[in-house]
Amino acid sequence: MRWEDPRIRVVPVAGVTFRPGNVDDPSFDPGRRLALVPEPENEHDPNAVAIWNEERTLQAGYVPAATAPELTGDEQAV
């Protein structure tokens, strides 16, 4: 797969500053799988999608609010 592949979408991670040090964990190293977890019960945004490490033990933050509604639910995050 190449960066030019239309299936690839690069987005910033929102809310990283609320979880200091989490993204420095090796579970977020480049090439590691991530878990995109919808949060329909989120009181601030029912379209919120949390970004966790694959094991779901550390949260990096969220998919940006402007991008989250565009996700279909079958994306794979790396």
C-alpha atoms as a PDB file:
ATOM      1  CA  MET A   1       0.000   0.000   0.000  1.00  0.00           C
ATOM      2  CA  ARG A   2       1.259   3.490  -0.818  1.00  0.00           C
ATOM      3  CA  TRP A   3       0.508   6.893   0.706  1.00  0.00           C
ATOM      4  CA  GLU A   4      -1.194   7.832  -2.559  1.00  0.00           C
ATOM      5  CA  ASP A   5      -3.721   5.017  -2.105  1.00  0.00           C
ATOM      6  CA  PRO A   6      -7.208   6.604  -1.837  1.00  0.00           C
ATOM      7  CA  ARG A   7      -8.058   4.186   0.961  1.00  0.00           C
ATOM      8  CA  ILE A   8      -5.509   5.900   3.216  1.00  0.00           C
ATOM      9  CA  ARG A   9      -6.615   8.838   5.277  1.00  0.00           C
ATOM     10  CA  VAL A  10      -4.220  10.650   7.566  1.00  0.00           C
ATOM     11  CA  VAL A  11      -5.866  12.663  10.331  1.00  0.00           C
ATOM     12  CA  PRO A  12      -4.549  14.369  13.447  1.00  0.00           C
ATOM     13  CA  VAL A  13      -5.522  12.892  16.798  1.00  0.00           C
ATOM     14  CA  ALA A  14      -7.717  15.231  18.824  1.00  0.00           C
ATOM     15  CA  GLY A  15      -7.444  15.405  22.611  1.00  0.00           C
ATOM     16  CA  VAL A  16      -3.881  14.085  22.942  1.00  0.00           C
ATOM     17  CA  THR A  17      -3.061  16.762  25.520  1.00  0.00           C
ATOM     18  CA  PHE A  18      -5.646  15.281  27.900  1.00  0.00           C
ATOM     19  CA  ARG A  19      -3.701  12.000  27.972  1.00  0.00           C
ATOM     20  CA  PRO A  20      -0.077  13.063  28.444  1.00  0.00           C
ATOM     21  CA  GLY A  21       2.439  10.390  27.573  1.00  0.00           C
ATOM     22  CA  ASN A  22      -0.016   7.859  26.145  1.00  0.00           C
ATOM     23  CA  VAL A  23       1.064   8.321  22.522  1.00  0.00           C
ATOM     24  CA  ASP A  24       4.677   7.807  23.610  1.00  0.00           C
ATOM     25  CA  ASP A  25       3.825   4.213  24.545  1.00  0.00           C
ATOM     26  CA  PRO A  26       5.271   1.599  22.138  1.00  0.00           C
ATOM     27  CA  SER A  27       1.725   0.382  21.434  1.00  0.00           C
ATOM     28  CA  PHE A  28       1.305   3.560  19.337  1.00  0.00           C
ATOM     29  CA  ASP A  29       4.522   3.131  17.340  1.00  0.00           C
ATOM     30  CA  PRO A  30       4.208   3.513  13.548  1.00  0.00           C
ATOM     31  CA  GLY A  31       2.805   0.400  11.919  1.00  0.00           C
ATOM     32  CA  ARG A  32       0.977  -0.791  15.047  1.00  0.00           C
ATOM     33  CA  ARG A  33      -2.745  -1.465  14.716  1.00  0.00           C
ATOM     34  CA  LEU A  34      -5.165   0.808  16.506  1.00  0.00           C
ATOM     35  CA  ALA A  35      -8.757   0.387  17.619  1.00  0.00           C
ATOM     36  CA  LEU A  36     -11.341   2.932  16.457  1.00  0.00           C
ATOM     37  CA  VAL A  37     -14.147   2.804  19.012  1.00  0.00           C
ATOM     38  CA  PRO A  38     -17.415   4.669  18.335  1.00  0.00           C
ATOM     39  CA  GLU A  39     -18.905   6.380  21.388  1.00  0.00           C
ATOM     40  CA  PRO A  40     -22.586   7.001  20.522  1.00  0.00           C
ATOM     41  CA  GLU A  41     -23.311   7.709  24.209  1.00  0.00           C
ATOM     42  CA  ASN A  42     -20.627  10.449  24.388  1.00  0.00           C
ATOM     43  CA  GLU A  43     -22.350  13.434  26.036  1.00  0.00           C
ATOM     44  CA  HIS A  44     -20.281  15.952  24.055  1.00  0.00           C
ATOM     45  CA  ASP A  45     -20.523  14.350  20.600  1.00  0.00           C
ATOM     46  CA  PRO A  46     -22.620  11.306  19.649  1.00  0.00           C
ATOM     47  CA  ASN A  47     -20.401  10.899  16.544  1.00  0.00           C
ATOM     48  CA  ALA A  48     -17.232  10.623  18.669  1.00  0.00           C
ATOM     49  CA  VAL A  49     -14.763   7.905  17.698  1.00  0.00           C
ATOM     50  CA  ALA A  50     -12.037   7.159  20.246  1.00  0.00           C
ATOM     51  CA  ILE A  51      -8.566   6.032  19.179  1.00  0.00           C
ATOM     52  CA  TRP A  52      -7.117   3.273  21.387  1.00  0.00           C
ATOM     53  CA  ASN A  53      -4.124   1.003  21.100  1.00  0.00           C
ATOM     54  CA  GLU A  54      -4.951  -2.449  19.720  1.00  0.00           C
ATOM     55  CA  GLU A  55      -5.237  -3.943  23.211  1.00  0.00           C
ATOM     56  CA  ARG A  56      -7.603  -1.115  24.253  1.00  0.00           C
ATOM     57  CA  THR A  57      -5.557  -0.382  27.344  1.00  0.00           C
ATOM     58  CA  LEU A  58      -4.484   3.174  26.399  1.00  0.00           C
ATOM     59  CA  GLN A  59      -6.423   5.867  24.617  1.00  0.00           C
ATOM     60  CA  ALA A  60      -4.544   8.331  22.411  1.00  0.00           C
ATOM     61  CA  GLY A  61      -7.504  10.633  21.815  1.00  0.00           C
ATOM     62  CA  TYR A  62     -10.260  10.994  19.234  1.00  0.00           C
ATOM     63  CA  VAL A  63     -10.791  11.169  15.502  1.00  0.00           C
ATOM     64  CA  PRO A  64     -11.365  14.898  14.834  1.00  0.00           C
ATOM     65  CA  ALA A  65     -15.041  15.882  15.156  1.00  0.00           C
ATOM     66  CA  ALA A  66     -15.167  17.069  11.535  1.00  0.00           C
ATOM     67  CA  THR A  67     -13.948  13.674  10.274  1.00  0.00           C
ATOM     68  CA  ALA A  68     -15.759  11.241  12.601  1.00  0.00           C
ATOM     69  CA  PRO A  69     -19.199  11.439  10.906  1.00  0.00           C
ATOM     70  CA  GLU A  70     -17.567  10.424   7.592  1.00  0.00           C
ATOM     71  CA  LEU A  71     -16.372   7.061   8.954  1.00  0.00           C
ATOM     72  CA  THR A  72     -18.350   4.015   7.907  1.00  0.00           C
ATOM     73  CA  GLY A  73     -17.318   1.696  10.737  1.00  0.00           C
ATOM     74  CA  ASP A  74     -15.296  -0.746   8.669  1.00  0.00           C
ATOM     75  CA  GLU A  75     -12.035   1.211   8.686  1.00  0.00           C
ATOM     76  CA  GLN A  76      -8.780  -0.308   9.840  1.00  0.00           C
ATOM     77  CA  ALA A  77      -6.426   1.958  11.712  1.00  0.00           C
ATOM     78  CA  VAL A  78      -2.666   1.646  11.591  1.00  0.00           C
END
